[in-house]
Amino acid sequence: MFKRKDLSATLDGLEIGATAPGRLQFVVVADGRRVAVRLQADEARWLASALLHWADSSETISPVRPVS
């Protein structure tokens, strides 16, 4: 239907901080656009756990072939 373009972002300029009790927001700049991701505490814990798991096992993970 519509062809979508993937945006690309880096951690340069990453903004992260609390917005309220139990709430976190981080902002990345993707191809000149600011993207805000808002998380509740349980979502932030899940994301932190997933990133930690990946970091601990990343050297043993096989690359995934892109879907064409």
Protein backbone atom coordinates (compact mmCIF):
# COMPACT_ATOMS: atom_id res chain seq x y z
CA MET A 1 0.00 0.00 0.00
CA PHE A 2 2.27 2.82 1.21
CA LYS A 3 6.01 2.45 1.13
CA ARG A 4 7.41 3.36 4.55
CA LYS A 5 10.87 4.72 5.14
CA ASP A 6 12.76 3.53 8.20
CA LEU A 7 14.15 6.42 10.20
CA SER A 8 17.69 6.18 11.51
CA ALA A 9 18.84 7.48 14.89
CA THR A 10 21.93 7.40 17.09
CA LEU A 11 22.42 8.02 20.78
CA ASP A 12 23.96 11.43 20.04
CA GLY A 13 21.67 13.96 21.67
CA LEU A 14 19.68 11.32 23.54
CA GLU A 15 17.53 12.92 26.23
CA ILE A 16 16.26 10.76 29.09
CA GLY A 17 14.54 11.64 32.32
CA ALA A 18 11.60 11.27 34.64
CA THR A 19 8.39 13.08 33.69
CA ALA A 20 6.35 12.09 36.76
CA PRO A 21 6.51 9.52 39.57
CA GLY A 22 6.88 6.10 37.92
CA ARG A 23 7.18 7.57 34.43
CA LEU A 24 10.20 7.93 32.16
CA GLN A 25 10.66 9.54 28.77
CA PHE A 26 13.51 9.38 26.33
CA VAL A 27 13.85 11.40 23.16
CA VAL A 28 15.96 10.52 20.13
CA VAL A 29 16.48 12.51 16.95
CA ALA A 30 15.78 10.38 13.90
CA ASP A 31 16.60 11.92 10.52
CA GLY A 32 15.94 15.39 11.91
CA ARG A 33 12.72 14.41 13.68
CA ARG A 34 12.42 14.23 17.46
CA VAL A 35 10.80 11.03 18.67
CA ALA A 36 9.64 10.80 22.30
CA VAL A 37 9.10 7.40 23.92
CA ARG A 38 7.16 7.45 27.18
CA LEU A 39 7.40 4.49 29.53
CA GLN A 40 5.84 3.51 32.81
CA ALA A 41 8.16 2.07 35.46
CA ASP A 42 7.32 -1.56 34.64
CA GLU A 43 7.94 -0.95 30.93
CA ALA A 44 11.28 0.74 31.69
CA ARG A 45 12.29 -2.24 33.88
CA TRP A 46 11.36 -4.63 31.08
CA LEU A 47 13.37 -2.63 28.53
CA ALA A 48 16.37 -2.40 30.87
CA SER A 49 16.22 -6.16 31.47
CA ALA A 50 15.98 -6.89 27.73
CA LEU A 51 18.96 -4.62 26.98
CA LEU A 52 21.01 -6.20 29.77
CA HIS A 53 20.18 -9.69 28.50
CA TRP A 54 21.19 -8.71 24.97
CA ALA A 55 24.44 -7.10 26.16
CA ASP A 56 25.36 -10.16 28.22
CA SER A 57 24.77 -12.58 25.34
CA SER A 58 25.40 -10.44 22.24
CA GLU A 59 28.70 -12.08 21.28
CA THR A 60 27.04 -15.49 20.96
CA ILE A 61 23.95 -14.38 18.99
CA SER A 62 24.00 -15.31 15.30
CA PRO A 63 23.17 -12.54 12.83
CA VAL A 64 19.66 -12.55 11.41
CA ARG A 65 19.28 -12.33 7.66
CA PRO A 66 17.12 -9.38 6.54
CA VAL A 67 13.68 -10.21 5.22
CA SER A 68 13.30 -9.27 1.57
